[in-house]
């Protein structure tokens, strides 16, 4: 339910692949007055969600007299990442291509700057969050336009009944629908006490410690809450700090209250944990809740999406954005930029959010209060705080603020979750830190 990852080795291998790897969708429509435009969008997991983007592209194409074709490319089996790599290698492909998280930076030398459209969009739609700035810019150059489709926050989704019964926490009162959070006491210490109480009650939190993105994203947010950075923004290794030690101590306590097999969990595991009724909380976008609404409605009715606990250095939540990018070898850059502006208008963005059932998140500040998040249910208002409407938490990505090309390696290799497991399983603190320091030194040489 969350997208998969591609390691550096897989990425290098993928660049040898050809464009035969592309997933081709039906031809859309065309009039021939203003040239052709080919588009590679992410293929949404929500049934029918792609209809909104197809309709919007058709509207724009009819108005601008551009012949367009759309490929919807799945993230399953890393096919969208393989497509990016193949087109970068061939220097040929789509005029617009969706890229997740780290991939604009990984291909920065081949991307057309979009400052000329991003700056007016920011004036119109409000500032973008810090994670989009971190992943979408390089040396003042905007590498892409933040896409609504596919962008997500992986925050807590709690069982209302179980949190109230075992932890004494009313998550609806703490994060009331239609009102600002009342979460001053929702701290990392409170979180640990709640995890222990739910574990004793027989409904542990379902937080993975595997090597896929859900596990890494959660650990990354907690590390930032303690101010723990493996590499700082300047590129200095900062593993052996008190902040990293504090984060590891927190995770050592937390793991004791989690299911015993969390080290082997993948991105589907926490979803299954919630839907099965075994757990009091997971960290996920609303995909798990949406499936529960279909397959286990009695569980969905007890789910509430809300914010992360606050740590000594702040309250952070994992945000994974998609970007719409244009290659610098595109044959129709002008039309590509025109369409990206069209797709970033508030009315267009709201159509895509509605089509996804509220899963997709715009990055622009003024586009986080659409009606759908207040109206979705059951229970009504369960997604109200999902888009972070009050800027209650800082949106982040694991391994930041390290330079993105280093952070990508820390992220892909799951260095943070591996550290937590090593320390929990009996490795000494100093040996754990020395191992992580060696890993980061290796990433800097690669």
Foldseek 3Di string as FASTA:
>chain_A
DAFWDAAPVRLVVLLPDALVLFAFDDFQDAAPPQEEFEEEAAAAPFPQLVVLVSVLVVVLCVVVRYRYGYGHFYSVVPSLSSNLSNCLNVVDDGQKHKDWFQVLVVSVVFFDFDPVQVVVLCVVQNDFAPSCCLRQDDPRTGFFAWAQPNKFWFFKKFQQVLLCVFLVDRVCQQPPFPDHGVAPVQALVSVLSSQQRSLVVQAHAAAALEQTASNLFVLQQLLVLLVHACAALVRHGDLPDPSNVVSLVSLLSNCVSHPPPRHPDYPCVNLCSQLVVRHGMYGGFCPSLVVCVVVPVVSNLRIAGAFHHHHPNFGEIEIMTMGITGTPSDPCNPVVSVSVSSCSDLVSSLSSCVSSQNRGEDRGLNNQQDCSCQQDDNVGNRRNPRNVNPPRGRYDGGNPPYNSQLSSNCSNRSLSSVLSVCVSVPNDPVVSSVVSNVSSVVSVVD
